[in-house]
Amino acid sequence: MIAFATPLALLLFIPWGFAAWRLLRRARRQASPFPGLALVPRVVTWRQRLGVLPPYLMLAGLAALIFAAARPRTELSKSRKTTEAIAIEMTVDVSGSMLALDFSRRGAPPAERRTRLDVVKETFADFVKRRPDDLIGLVAFGGYATTRCPLTLDHAALLHVLSKTEVAVNAADQLETATAIGDGLAMACARLASATNVQSRIVILLSDGESNAGIVTPEQATALAKQQGVKVYTIGVGSTGLAEALGRDMFGREVIGMMNVSMDEAALKRIAAATGGEYYNVRTRDALETALKTIDQLQKTEIEQSVYLRFEEHYRPFLAWGAAAVLAALLLSAKARHSLI
């Protein structure tokens, strides 16, 4: 069955019909009857015959071009599949404490050093690859919450954005390295509100600190998530106390210093409990991978999708014929005008 990829282009036949009526009506009016000519033998030359063709060729060519613009095509194959998917908003802490190196072996060479954020990004990437049919987005928060990637099925683009997510080292605004858990969760809920084709919507909130910035408090953001039916899984990343951390000196060179890290586990537990989620405390890379694999077993929502595999396009002949007819009409019109001079 032939269908049109851009059927709205067929509306161009409305002005085309008006132009055809005006053009043909004008051609009829240009002929003046003269009774005496009926007695004269009528000789029609080939030039006279060609002289009446340009308007018809022009109309036919424009009609063919309109069909080409509508892109007629035949559906060669179509498959329907039913997948189980949910909308997931990953909400990642990018505060200064995410530069701690407690996930790396003490004394590891520079090539093997991994900050908390490095490990989170790597394990999150594996999690995304295991869920190809899910809508997944990324929100990052330090002192401010920002949407790094909207909910998308283009996971290649999502992973590219994730790989470029970093802590603002030596930021002029020190608030950028603070922790606004409430703002991050509220931003994630706002993005999930746009997911209307799924019933299950969750937030995976990873943080290693205490909420000390932001406009929205964690309690207010939790109430918003509960109101929208968003389930929040919280992950407390890393240990507390003194920890080695990666930084940069005034010349941009990497240096290792010490950092005092504290985490409000009670707040993360309250957020998860109030929204029907779970809280995970992870202090190693393996523990983080286990937590994400557990979340991977979530109940999913069935969504029926139509997948069109291939079409055969038919616009090319119409495009060629239309262009040829319009060109011929223009050339013949020019030739007719030249013969009258």
C-alpha atoms as a PDB file:
ATOM      1  CA  MET A   1       0.000   0.000   0.000  1.00  0.00           C
ATOM      2  CA  ILE A   2       1.318   3.417  -1.003  1.00  0.00           C
ATOM      3  CA  ALA A   3       1.367   6.104   1.651  1.00  0.00           C
ATOM      4  CA  PHE A   4       2.844   9.590   1.887  1.00  0.00           C
ATOM      5  CA  ALA A   5       5.675  10.450   4.272  1.00  0.00           C
ATOM      6  CA  THR A   6       4.729  14.167   4.229  1.00  0.00           C
ATOM      7  CA  PRO A   7       1.025  14.256   3.296  1.00  0.00           C
ATOM      8  CA  LEU A   8       0.675  17.938   4.184  1.00  0.00           C
ATOM      9  CA  ALA A   9       2.588  18.719   0.994  1.00  0.00           C
ATOM     10  CA  LEU A  10      -0.531  17.666  -0.927  1.00  0.00           C
ATOM     11  CA  LEU A  11      -2.195  20.872   0.298  1.00  0.00           C
ATOM     12  CA  LEU A  12      -0.115  22.610  -2.372  1.00  0.00           C
ATOM     13  CA  PHE A  13      -2.672  21.288  -4.874  1.00  0.00           C
ATOM     14  CA  ILE A  14      -5.048  24.002  -3.615  1.00  0.00           C
ATOM     15  CA  PRO A  15      -2.995  26.912  -5.011  1.00  0.00           C
ATOM     16  CA  TRP A  16      -2.052  24.663  -7.968  1.00  0.00           C
ATOM     17  CA  GLY A  17      -5.747  24.228  -8.855  1.00  0.00           C
ATOM     18  CA  PHE A  18      -6.380  27.959  -8.614  1.00  0.00           C
ATOM     19  CA  ALA A  19      -3.372  28.664 -10.838  1.00  0.00           C
ATOM     20  CA  ALA A  20      -4.556  26.075 -13.384  1.00  0.00           C
ATOM     21  CA  TRP A  21      -8.023  27.651 -13.512  1.00  0.00           C
ATOM     22  CA  ARG A  22      -6.595  31.135 -14.016  1.00  0.00           C
ATOM     23  CA  LEU A  23      -4.084  30.019 -16.613  1.00  0.00           C
ATOM     24  CA  LEU A  24      -6.503  27.993 -18.756  1.00  0.00           C
ATOM     25  CA  ARG A  25      -9.229  30.634 -18.452  1.00  0.00           C
ATOM     26  CA  ARG A  26      -6.789  33.284 -19.600  1.00  0.00           C
ATOM     27  CA  ALA A  27      -5.745  31.145 -22.581  1.00  0.00           C
ATOM     28  CA  ARG A  28      -9.355  30.813 -23.719  1.00  0.00           C
ATOM     29  CA  ARG A  29      -9.981  34.556 -23.399  1.00  0.00           C
ATOM     30  CA  GLN A  30      -6.946  35.404 -25.528  1.00  0.00           C
ATOM     31  CA  ALA A  31      -8.589  33.825 -28.594  1.00  0.00           C
ATOM     32  CA  SER A  32     -10.924  36.262 -30.463  1.00  0.00           C
ATOM     33  CA  PRO A  33     -13.468  34.769 -32.931  1.00  0.00           C
ATOM     34  CA  PHE A  34     -13.392  36.236 -36.467  1.00  0.00           C
ATOM     35  CA  PRO A  35     -16.062  34.856 -38.856  1.00  0.00           C
ATOM     36  CA  GLY A  36     -14.158  35.673 -42.026  1.00  0.00           C
ATOM     37  CA  LEU A  37     -11.300  33.401 -41.072  1.00  0.00           C
ATOM     38  CA  ALA A  38     -13.494  30.345 -41.504  1.00  0.00           C
ATOM     39  CA  LEU A  39     -13.177  30.728 -45.304  1.00  0.00           C
ATOM     40  CA  VAL A  40      -9.388  30.779 -45.174  1.00  0.00           C
ATOM     41  CA  PRO A  41      -7.646  27.395 -45.379  1.00  0.00           C
ATOM     42  CA  ARG A  42      -6.228  26.572 -41.950  1.00  0.00           C
ATOM     43  CA  VAL A  43      -2.557  25.669 -41.848  1.00  0.00           C
ATOM     44  CA  VAL A  44      -1.158  24.760 -38.427  1.00  0.00           C
ATOM     45  CA  THR A  45       2.612  24.656 -38.177  1.00  0.00           C
ATOM     46  CA  TRP A  46       4.618  22.636 -35.653  1.00  0.00           C
ATOM     47  CA  ARG A  47       5.653  25.867 -33.962  1.00  0.00           C
ATOM     48  CA  GLN A  48       2.009  26.747 -33.404  1.00  0.00           C
ATOM     49  CA  ARG A  49       1.349  23.310 -31.993  1.00  0.00           C
ATOM     50  CA  LEU A  50       4.268  23.631 -29.575  1.00  0.00           C
ATOM     51  CA  GLY A  51       3.177  27.121 -28.627  1.00  0.00           C
ATOM     52  CA  VAL A  52       0.117  25.828 -26.747  1.00  0.00           C
ATOM     53  CA  LEU A  53       2.089  23.243 -24.742  1.00  0.00           C
ATOM     54  CA  PRO A  54       4.003  25.391 -22.177  1.00  0.00           C
ATOM     55  CA  PRO A  55       1.110  26.051 -19.781  1.00  0.00           C
ATOM     56  CA  TYR A  56       0.083  22.389 -19.767  1.00  0.00           C
ATOM     57  CA  LEU A  57       3.662  21.245 -19.311  1.00  0.00           C
ATOM     58  CA  MET A  58       4.132  23.726 -16.476  1.00  0.00           C
ATOM     59  CA  LEU A  59       0.996  22.518 -14.691  1.00  0.00           C
ATOM     60  CA  ALA A  60       1.905  18.870 -15.160  1.00  0.00           C
ATOM     61  CA  GLY A  61       5.458  19.476 -13.960  1.00  0.00           C
ATOM     62  CA  LEU A  62       4.339  21.338 -10.853  1.00  0.00           C
ATOM     63  CA  ALA A  63       1.843  18.566 -10.045  1.00  0.00           C
ATOM     64  CA  ALA A  64       4.625  15.990 -10.301  1.00  0.00           C
ATOM     65  CA  LEU A  65       6.853  18.082  -8.037  1.00  0.00           C
ATOM     66  CA  ILE A  66       4.072  18.312  -5.438  1.00  0.00           C
ATOM     67  CA  PHE A  67       3.759  14.521  -5.473  1.00  0.00           C
ATOM     68  CA  ALA A  68       7.526  14.263  -5.048  1.00  0.00           C
ATOM     69  CA  ALA A  69       7.393  16.646  -2.060  1.00  0.00           C
ATOM     70  CA  ALA A  70       4.712  14.429  -0.453  1.00  0.00           C
ATOM     71  CA  ARG A  71       7.155  11.494  -0.759  1.00  0.00           C
ATOM     72  CA  PRO A  72       4.969   8.558  -1.850  1.00  0.00           C
ATOM     73  CA  ARG A  73       6.407   5.297  -0.558  1.00  0.00           C
ATOM     74  CA  THR A  74       5.524   1.657  -0.077  1.00  0.00           C
ATOM     75  CA  GLU A  75       5.941  -0.043   3.274  1.00  0.00           C
ATOM     76  CA  LEU A  76       8.110  -3.084   2.612  1.00  0.00           C
ATOM     77  CA  SER A  77       8.344  -4.415   6.141  1.00  0.00           C
ATOM     78  CA  LYS A  78       6.896  -3.547   9.499  1.00  0.00           C
ATOM     79  CA  SER A  79       7.375  -5.218  12.829  1.00  0.00           C
ATOM     80  CA  ARG A  80       5.689  -4.647  16.142  1.00  0.00           C
ATOM     81  CA  LYS A  81       7.351  -5.522  19.399  1.00  0.00           C
ATOM     82  CA  THR A  82       6.301  -5.257  22.986  1.00  0.00           C
ATOM     83  CA  THR A  83       8.977  -4.155  25.415  1.00  0.00           C
ATOM     84  CA  GLU A  84       8.996  -3.578  29.119  1.00  0.00           C
ATOM     85  CA  ALA A  85      10.324  -0.173  30.019  1.00  0.00           C
ATOM     86  CA  ILE A  86      10.363   2.435  32.749  1.00  0.00           C
ATOM     87  CA  ALA A  87      11.566   6.019  33.009  1.00  0.00           C
ATOM     88  CA  ILE A  88      14.718   6.397  35.087  1.00  0.00           C
ATOM     89  CA  GLU A  89      16.303   9.657  36.161  1.00  0.00           C
ATOM     90  CA  MET A  90      19.865   9.196  37.380  1.00  0.00           C
ATOM     91  CA  THR A  91      20.646  11.977  39.854  1.00  0.00           C
ATOM     92  CA  VAL A  92      24.372  12.198  40.528  1.00  0.00           C
ATOM     93  CA  ASP A  93      26.222  14.204  43.159  1.00  0.00           C
ATOM     94  CA  VAL A  94      29.088  16.213  41.632  1.00  0.00           C
ATOM     95  CA  SER A  95      30.068  18.073  44.783  1.00  0.00           C
ATOM     96  CA  GLY A  96      33.719  18.434  45.801  1.00  0.00           C
ATOM     97  CA  SER A  97      33.657  15.317  48.008  1.00  0.00           C
ATOM     98  CA  MET A  98      33.093  13.138  44.920  1.00  0.00           C
ATOM     99  CA  LEU A  99      36.834  13.626  44.235  1.00  0.00           C
ATOM    100  CA  ALA A 100      37.690  11.362  47.181  1.00  0.00           C
ATOM    101  CA  LEU A 101      39.885   8.388  46.268  1.00  0.00           C
ATOM    102  CA  ASP A 102      38.570   5.866  48.795  1.00  0.00           C
ATOM    103  CA  PHE A 103      37.378   3.617  45.932  1.00  0.00           C
ATOM    104  CA  SER A 104      41.007   3.350  44.732  1.00  0.00           C
ATOM    105  CA  ARG A 105      43.785   1.296  46.255  1.00  0.00           C
ATOM    106  CA  ARG A 106      45.908   3.413  48.547  1.00  0.00           C
ATOM    107  CA  GLY A 107      49.167   4.328  46.848  1.00  0.00           C
ATOM    108  CA  ALA A 108      47.879   3.330  43.398  1.00  0.00           C
ATOM    109  CA  PRO A 109      49.771   4.826  40.447  1.00  0.00           C
ATOM    110  CA  PRO A 110      48.120   7.798  38.674  1.00  0.00           C
ATOM    111  CA  ALA A 111      46.799   5.637  35.831  1.00  0.00           C
ATOM    112  CA  GLU A 112      44.824   3.503  38.305  1.00  0.00           C
ATOM    113  CA  ARG A 113      43.382   6.282  40.458  1.00  0.00           C
ATOM    114  CA  ARG A 114      39.614   6.486  40.394  1.00  0.00           C
ATOM    115  CA  THR A 115      37.614   9.103  42.226  1.00  0.00           C
ATOM    116  CA  ARG A 116      34.168   8.351  43.539  1.00  0.00           C
ATOM    117  CA  LEU A 117      32.672  10.122  40.548  1.00  0.00           C
ATOM    118  CA  ASP A 118      34.814   8.073  38.130  1.00  0.00           C
ATOM    119  CA  VAL A 119      33.531   4.824  39.626  1.00  0.00           C
ATOM    120  CA  VAL A 120      29.936   6.081  39.652  1.00  0.00           C
ATOM    121  CA  LYS A 121      30.146   7.027  35.969  1.00  0.00           C
ATOM    122  CA  GLU A 122      31.660   3.680  34.966  1.00  0.00           C
ATOM    123  CA  THR A 123      29.102   1.578  36.858  1.00  0.00           C
ATOM    124  CA  PHE A 124      26.246   3.794  35.703  1.00  0.00           C
ATOM    125  CA  ALA A 125      27.371   3.278  32.092  1.00  0.00           C
ATOM    126  CA  ASP A 126      27.157  -0.499  32.584  1.00  0.00           C
ATOM    127  CA  PHE A 127      23.688  -0.077  34.087  1.00  0.00           C
ATOM    128  CA  VAL A 128      22.501   1.936  31.077  1.00  0.00           C
ATOM    129  CA  LYS A 129      23.804  -0.679  28.633  1.00  0.00           C
ATOM    130  CA  ARG A 130      21.733  -3.352  30.376  1.00  0.00           C
ATOM    131  CA  ARG A 131      18.505  -1.395  29.858  1.00  0.00           C
ATOM    132  CA  PRO A 132      18.309  -0.514  26.127  1.00  0.00           C
ATOM    133  CA  ASP A 133      14.509  -0.021  26.113  1.00  0.00           C
ATOM    134  CA  ASP A 134      14.266   2.371  29.060  1.00  0.00           C
ATOM    135  CA  LEU A 135      13.949   6.130  28.987  1.00  0.00           C
ATOM    136  CA  ILE A 136      16.938   7.335  31.003  1.00  0.00           C
ATOM    137  CA  GLY A 137      17.989  10.874  31.856  1.00  0.00           C
ATOM    138  CA  LEU A 138      20.773  12.478  33.853  1.00  0.00           C
ATOM    139  CA  VAL A 139      20.605  15.214  36.491  1.00  0.00           C
ATOM    140  CA  ALA A 140      23.779  16.398  38.226  1.00  0.00           C
ATOM    141  CA  PHE A 141      23.868  18.477  41.364  1.00  0.00           C
ATOM    142  CA  GLY A 142      26.491  20.222  43.417  1.00  0.00           C
ATOM    143  CA  GLY A 143      25.438  23.550  44.843  1.00  0.00           C
ATOM    144  CA  TYR A 144      23.091  23.770  41.843  1.00  0.00           C
ATOM    145  CA  ALA A 145      21.022  21.164  40.031  1.00  0.00           C
ATOM    146  CA  THR A 146      21.264  20.919  36.244  1.00  0.00           C
ATOM    147  CA  THR A 147      19.737  18.623  33.644  1.00  0.00           C
ATOM    148  CA  ARG A 148      22.683  17.140  31.799  1.00  0.00           C
ATOM    149  CA  CYS A 149      20.586  14.914  29.542  1.00  0.00           C
ATOM    150  CA  PRO A 150      16.771  14.709  29.173  1.00  0.00           C
ATOM    151  CA  LEU A 151      14.955  11.385  29.235  1.00  0.00           C
ATOM    152  CA  THR A 152      16.007   9.613  26.074  1.00  0.00           C
ATOM    153  CA  LEU A 153      16.331   6.291  24.290  1.00  0.00           C
ATOM    154  CA  ASP A 154      19.489   7.569  22.616  1.00  0.00           C
ATOM    155  CA  HIS A 155      21.772   5.980  25.166  1.00  0.00           C
ATOM    156  CA  ALA A 156      24.894   6.663  23.121  1.00  0.00           C
ATOM    157  CA  ALA A 157      24.278  10.391  23.537  1.00  0.00           C
ATOM    158  CA  LEU A 158      23.491   9.892  27.213  1.00  0.00           C
ATOM    159  CA  LEU A 159      26.741   8.025  27.828  1.00  0.00           C
ATOM    160  CA  HIS A 160      28.693  10.723  26.012  1.00  0.00           C
ATOM    161  CA  VAL A 161      27.195  13.382  28.290  1.00  0.00           C
ATOM    162  CA  LEU A 162      27.876  11.206  31.321  1.00  0.00           C
ATOM    163  CA  SER A 163      31.539  10.814  30.388  1.00  0.00           C
ATOM    164  CA  LYS A 164      31.913  14.617  30.304  1.00  0.00           C
ATOM    165  CA  THR A 165      30.312  15.151  33.716  1.00  0.00           C
ATOM    166  CA  GLU A 166      32.934  16.406  36.150  1.00  0.00           C
ATOM    167  CA  VAL A 167      33.334  18.119  39.503  1.00  0.00           C
ATOM    168  CA  ALA A 168      33.991  21.848  39.180  1.00  0.00           C
ATOM    169  CA  VAL A 169      37.579  21.858  40.458  1.00  0.00           C
ATOM    170  CA  ASN A 170      38.930  25.254  41.573  1.00  0.00           C
ATOM    171  CA  ALA A 171      35.575  26.845  40.744  1.00  0.00           C
ATOM    172  CA  ALA A 172      35.356  30.583  41.276  1.00  0.00           C
ATOM    173  CA  ASP A 173      31.954  30.062  42.885  1.00  0.00           C
ATOM    174  CA  GLN A 174      32.564  27.770  45.860  1.00  0.00           C
ATOM    175  CA  LEU A 175      28.843  26.995  45.960  1.00  0.00           C
ATOM    176  CA  GLU A 176      29.390  24.777  42.920  1.00  0.00           C
ATOM    177  CA  THR A 177      31.198  22.248  45.118  1.00  0.00           C
ATOM    178  CA  ALA A 178      28.433  22.190  47.766  1.00  0.00           C
ATOM    179  CA  THR A 179      25.615  19.613  47.947  1.00  0.00           C
ATOM    180  CA  ALA A 180      22.003  20.484  47.085  1.00  0.00           C
ATOM    181  CA  ILE A 181      20.248  17.137  47.446  1.00  0.00           C
ATOM    182  CA  GLY A 182      16.778  18.691  47.523  1.00  0.00           C
ATOM    183  CA  ASP A 183      17.326  20.641  44.314  1.00  0.00           C
ATOM    184  CA  GLY A 184      18.684  17.554  42.564  1.00  0.00           C
ATOM    185  CA  LEU A 185      15.707  15.402  43.540  1.00  0.00           C
ATOM    186  CA  ALA A 186      13.192  18.127  42.667  1.00  0.00           C
ATOM    187  CA  MET A 187      14.815  18.585  39.247  1.00  0.00           C
ATOM    188  CA  ALA A 188      14.642  14.837  38.603  1.00  0.00           C
ATOM    189  CA  CYS A 189      10.933  14.760  39.517  1.00  0.00           C
ATOM    190  CA  ALA A 190      10.252  17.666  37.175  1.00  0.00           C
ATOM    191  CA  ARG A 191      11.926  15.823  34.289  1.00  0.00           C
ATOM    192  CA  LEU A 192      10.042  12.592  35.023  1.00  0.00           C
ATOM    193  CA  ALA A 193       6.746  14.479  34.898  1.00  0.00           C
ATOM    194  CA  SER A 194       7.180  14.679  31.103  1.00  0.00           C
ATOM    195  CA  ALA A 195       7.258  10.871  30.757  1.00  0.00           C
ATOM    196  CA  THR A 196       3.595  10.246  29.957  1.00  0.00           C
ATOM    197  CA  ASN A 197       3.896   6.937  28.098  1.00  0.00           C
ATOM    198  CA  VAL A 198       5.135   4.943  31.091  1.00  0.00           C
ATOM    199  CA  GLN A 199       3.602   4.099  34.423  1.00  0.00           C
ATOM    200  CA  SER A 200       6.762   3.346  36.404  1.00  0.00           C
ATOM    201  CA  ARG A 201       9.036   6.307  37.100  1.00  0.00           C
ATOM    202  CA  ILE A 202      12.020   6.109  39.410  1.00  0.00           C
ATOM    203  CA  VAL A 203      14.943   8.201  40.572  1.00  0.00           C
ATOM    204  CA  ILE A 204      18.342   6.740  41.433  1.00  0.00           C
ATOM    205  CA  LEU A 205      19.931   9.316  43.695  1.00  0.00           C
ATOM    206  CA  LEU A 206      23.670   8.959  44.354  1.00  0.00           C
ATOM    207  CA  SER A 207      25.236  11.208  46.967  1.00  0.00           C
ATOM    208  CA  ASP A 208      28.163  11.157  49.347  1.00  0.00           C
ATOM    209  CA  GLY A 209      27.485  14.240  51.450  1.00  0.00           C
ATOM    210  CA  GLU A 210      25.108  16.302  53.507  1.00  0.00           C
ATOM    211  CA  SER A 211      22.581  18.716  52.047  1.00  0.00           C
ATOM    212  CA  ASN A 212      24.091  22.165  52.645  1.00  0.00           C
ATOM    213  CA  ALA A 213      22.831  24.217  49.696  1.00  0.00           C
ATOM    214  CA  GLY A 214      19.888  24.707  47.399  1.00  0.00           C
ATOM    215  CA  ILE A 215      16.449  26.258  47.382  1.00  0.00           C
ATOM    216  CA  VAL A 216      14.405  23.074  47.866  1.00  0.00           C
ATOM    217  CA  THR A 217      14.949  21.090  51.042  1.00  0.00           C
ATOM    218  CA  PRO A 218      15.244  17.277  50.891  1.00  0.00           C
ATOM    219  CA  GLU A 219      11.932  17.037  52.775  1.00  0.00           C
ATOM    220  CA  GLN A 220      10.137  19.214  50.231  1.00  0.00           C
ATOM    221  CA  ALA A 221      11.624  17.272  47.321  1.00  0.00           C
ATOM    222  CA  THR A 222      10.618  13.991  48.972  1.00  0.00           C
ATOM    223  CA  ALA A 223       7.034  15.210  49.316  1.00  0.00           C
ATOM    224  CA  LEU A 224       7.035  16.168  45.625  1.00  0.00           C
ATOM    225  CA  ALA A 225       8.302  12.727  44.592  1.00  0.00           C
ATOM    226  CA  LYS A 226       5.677  11.041  46.755  1.00  0.00           C
ATOM    227  CA  GLN A 227       2.929  13.216  45.278  1.00  0.00           C
ATOM    228  CA  GLN A 228       3.966  12.307  41.721  1.00  0.00           C
ATOM    229  CA  GLY A 229       4.283   8.604  42.505  1.00  0.00           C
ATOM    230  CA  VAL A 230       8.028   8.615  41.846  1.00  0.00           C
ATOM    231  CA  LYS A 231       9.979   5.893  43.636  1.00  0.00           C
ATOM    232  CA  VAL A 232      13.413   7.025  44.806  1.00  0.00           C
ATOM    233  CA  TYR A 233      16.331   4.652  45.304  1.00  0.00           C
ATOM    234  CA  THR A 234      19.108   6.333  47.240  1.00  0.00           C
ATOM    235  CA  ILE A 235      22.746   5.275  47.267  1.00  0.00           C
ATOM    236  CA  GLY A 236      25.168   6.592  49.841  1.00  0.00           C
ATOM    237  CA  VAL A 237      28.586   6.534  48.183  1.00  0.00           C
ATOM    238  CA  GLY A 238      31.860   6.111  50.074  1.00  0.00           C
ATOM    239  CA  SER A 239      33.031   6.184  53.657  1.00  0.00           C
ATOM    240  CA  THR A 240      33.108   9.068  56.111  1.00  0.00           C
ATOM    241  CA  GLY A 241      35.980  10.787  57.903  1.00  0.00           C
ATOM    242  CA  LEU A 242      39.375  11.661  56.460  1.00  0.00           C
ATOM    243  CA  ALA A 243      39.984  10.455  52.922  1.00  0.00           C
ATOM    244  CA  GLU A 244      42.474  11.085  50.164  1.00  0.00           C
ATOM    245  CA  ALA A 245      41.091  13.303  47.437  1.00  0.00           C
ATOM    246  CA  LEU A 246      42.220  14.365  44.002  1.00  0.00           C
ATOM    247  CA  GLY A 247      42.695  18.049  43.315  1.00  0.00           C
ATOM    248  CA  ARG A 248      44.648  20.498  41.177  1.00  0.00           C
ATOM    249  CA  ASP A 249      47.167  23.133  42.107  1.00  0.00           C
ATOM    250  CA  MET A 250      47.304  26.668  40.741  1.00  0.00           C
ATOM    251  CA  PHE A 251      49.131  25.403  37.644  1.00  0.00           C
ATOM    252  CA  GLY A 252      46.478  22.800  36.837  1.00  0.00           C
ATOM    253  CA  ARG A 253      48.579  19.832  37.912  1.00  0.00           C
ATOM    254  CA  GLU A 254      46.917  16.927  39.735  1.00  0.00           C
ATOM    255  CA  VAL A 255      47.679  16.732  43.436  1.00  0.00           C
ATOM    256  CA  ILE A 256      46.471  14.459  46.212  1.00  0.00           C
ATOM    257  CA  GLY A 257      45.363  15.945  49.498  1.00  0.00           C
ATOM    258  CA  MET A 258      43.221  15.016  52.459  1.00  0.00           C
ATOM    259  CA  MET A 259      39.516  15.753  52.805  1.00  0.00           C
ATOM    260  CA  ASN A 260      37.072  15.350  55.670  1.00  0.00           C
ATOM    261  CA  VAL A 261      33.948  13.665  54.306  1.00  0.00           C
ATOM    262  CA  SER A 262      30.595  13.379  56.065  1.00  0.00           C
ATOM    263  CA  MET A 263      27.346  11.862  54.788  1.00  0.00           C
ATOM    264  CA  ASP A 264      23.764  12.233  56.011  1.00  0.00           C
ATOM    265  CA  GLU A 265      22.658   8.614  55.735  1.00  0.00           C
ATOM    266  CA  ALA A 266      19.543   9.303  57.770  1.00  0.00           C
ATOM    267  CA  ALA A 267      18.254  11.766  55.169  1.00  0.00           C
ATOM    268  CA  LEU A 268      18.902   9.333  52.304  1.00  0.00           C
ATOM    269  CA  LYS A 269      17.095   6.580  54.200  1.00  0.00           C
ATOM    270  CA  ARG A 270      14.103   8.830  54.851  1.00  0.00           C
ATOM    271  CA  ILE A 271      13.850   9.784  51.175  1.00  0.00           C
ATOM    272  CA  ALA A 272      13.858   6.130  50.080  1.00  0.00           C
ATOM    273  CA  ALA A 273      11.428   4.969  52.757  1.00  0.00           C
ATOM    274  CA  ALA A 274       8.917   7.765  52.122  1.00  0.00           C
ATOM    275  CA  THR A 275       8.739   7.053  48.363  1.00  0.00           C
ATOM    276  CA  GLY A 276       8.746   3.255  48.501  1.00  0.00           C
ATOM    277  CA  GLY A 277      12.349   2.854  47.378  1.00  0.00           C
ATOM    278  CA  GLU A 278      15.419   1.359  49.004  1.00  0.00           C
ATOM    279  CA  TYR A 279      18.626   2.769  50.464  1.00  0.00           C
ATOM    280  CA  TYR A 280      22.054   1.268  49.693  1.00  0.00           C
ATOM    281  CA  ASN A 281      25.300   2.113  51.408  1.00  0.00           C
ATOM    282  CA  VAL A 282      28.244   1.390  49.123  1.00  0.00           C
ATOM    283  CA  ARG A 283      31.880   1.726  50.078  1.00  0.00           C
ATOM    284  CA  THR A 284      33.461  -0.259  47.256  1.00  0.00           C
ATOM    285  CA  ARG A 285      33.039  -0.503  43.512  1.00  0.00           C
ATOM    286  CA  ASP A 286      31.659  -4.038  43.844  1.00  0.00           C
ATOM    287  CA  ALA A 287      29.035  -2.874  46.318  1.00  0.00           C
ATOM    288  CA  LEU A 288      27.936  -0.116  43.923  1.00  0.00           C
ATOM    289  CA  GLU A 289      27.659  -2.604  41.063  1.00  0.00           C
ATOM    290  CA  THR A 290      25.586  -4.920  43.273  1.00  0.00           C
ATOM    291  CA  ALA A 291      23.239  -2.081  44.228  1.00  0.00           C
ATOM    292  CA  LEU A 292      22.632  -1.123  40.598  1.00  0.00           C
ATOM    293  CA  LYS A 293      22.094  -4.765  39.612  1.00  0.00           C
ATOM    294  CA  THR A 294      19.492  -5.033  42.359  1.00  0.00           C
ATOM    295  CA  ILE A 295      17.709  -1.966  41.059  1.00  0.00           C
ATOM    296  CA  ASP A 296      17.941  -3.519  37.577  1.00  0.00           C
ATOM    297  CA  GLN A 297      15.422  -6.141  38.702  1.00  0.00           C
ATOM    298  CA  LEU A 298      12.667  -3.537  39.064  1.00  0.00           C
ATOM    299  CA  GLN A 299       9.210  -4.302  37.747  1.00  0.00           C
ATOM    300  CA  LYS A 300       8.802  -2.896  34.285  1.00  0.00           C
ATOM    301  CA  THR A 301       5.905  -1.489  32.299  1.00  0.00           C
ATOM    302  CA  GLU A 302       4.855  -3.003  28.987  1.00  0.00           C
ATOM    303  CA  ILE A 303       4.885  -0.585  26.057  1.00  0.00           C
ATOM    304  CA  GLU A 304       3.874  -1.627  22.565  1.00  0.00           C
ATOM    305  CA  GLN A 305       6.093  -0.059  19.940  1.00  0.00           C
ATOM    306  CA  SER A 306       5.767  -0.008  16.158  1.00  0.00           C
ATOM    307  CA  VAL A 307       9.079  -0.457  14.385  1.00  0.00           C
ATOM    308  CA  TYR A 308       9.236   0.289  10.651  1.00  0.00           C
ATOM    309  CA  LEU A 309      12.200  -1.463   9.145  1.00  0.00           C
ATOM    310  CA  ARG A 310      12.277  -0.335   5.516  1.00  0.00           C
ATOM    311  CA  PHE A 311      10.340   1.674   2.913  1.00  0.00           C
ATOM    312  CA  GLU A 312      10.611   1.893  -0.849  1.00  0.00           C
ATOM    313  CA  GLU A 313      10.562   5.543  -1.900  1.00  0.00           C
ATOM    314  CA  HIS A 314       8.722   6.559  -5.105  1.00  0.00           C
ATOM    315  CA  TYR A 315       9.370  10.298  -5.194  1.00  0.00           C
ATOM    316  CA  ARG A 316      12.414  10.174  -7.504  1.00  0.00           C
ATOM    317  CA  PRO A 317      10.523   9.592 -10.818  1.00  0.00           C
ATOM    318  CA  PHE A 318       8.029  12.342  -9.947  1.00  0.00           C
ATOM    319  CA  LEU A 319      10.897  14.671  -9.124  1.00  0.00           C
ATOM    320  CA  ALA A 320      12.671  13.918 -12.395  1.00  0.00           C
ATOM    321  CA  TRP A 321       9.537  14.147 -14.547  1.00  0.00           C
ATOM    322  CA  GLY A 322       8.371  17.306 -12.839  1.00  0.00           C
ATOM    323  CA  ALA A 323      11.708  19.059 -13.211  1.00  0.00           C
ATOM    324  CA  ALA A 324      11.917  18.034 -16.880  1.00  0.00           C
ATOM    325  CA  ALA A 325       8.380  19.252 -17.614  1.00  0.00           C
ATOM    326  CA  VAL A 326       8.935  22.608 -15.922  1.00  0.00           C
ATOM    327  CA  LEU A 327      12.223  23.081 -17.768  1.00  0.00           C
ATOM    328  CA  ALA A 328      10.611  22.181 -21.094  1.00  0.00           C
ATOM    329  CA  ALA A 329       7.762  24.627 -20.444  1.00  0.00           C
ATOM    330  CA  LEU A 330      10.219  27.420 -19.743  1.00  0.00           C
ATOM    331  CA  LEU A 331      12.295  26.653 -22.830  1.00  0.00           C
ATOM    332  CA  LEU A 332       9.259  26.450 -25.130  1.00  0.00           C
ATOM    333  CA  SER A 333       7.856  29.696 -23.740  1.00  0.00           C
ATOM    334  CA  ALA A 334      11.152  31.421 -24.425  1.00  0.00           C
ATOM    335  CA  LYS A 335      11.244  29.939 -27.952  1.00  0.00           C
ATOM    336  CA  ALA A 336       7.679  31.080 -28.652  1.00  0.00           C
ATOM    337  CA  ARG A 337       8.431  34.627 -27.480  1.00  0.00           C
ATOM    338  CA  HIS A 338      11.575  34.675 -29.622  1.00  0.00           C
ATOM    339  CA  SER A 339       9.661  33.633 -32.734  1.00  0.00           C
ATOM    340  CA  LEU A 340       7.223  36.520 -32.269  1.00  0.00           C
ATOM    341  CA  ILE A 341       9.926  39.172 -32.133  1.00  0.00           C
END
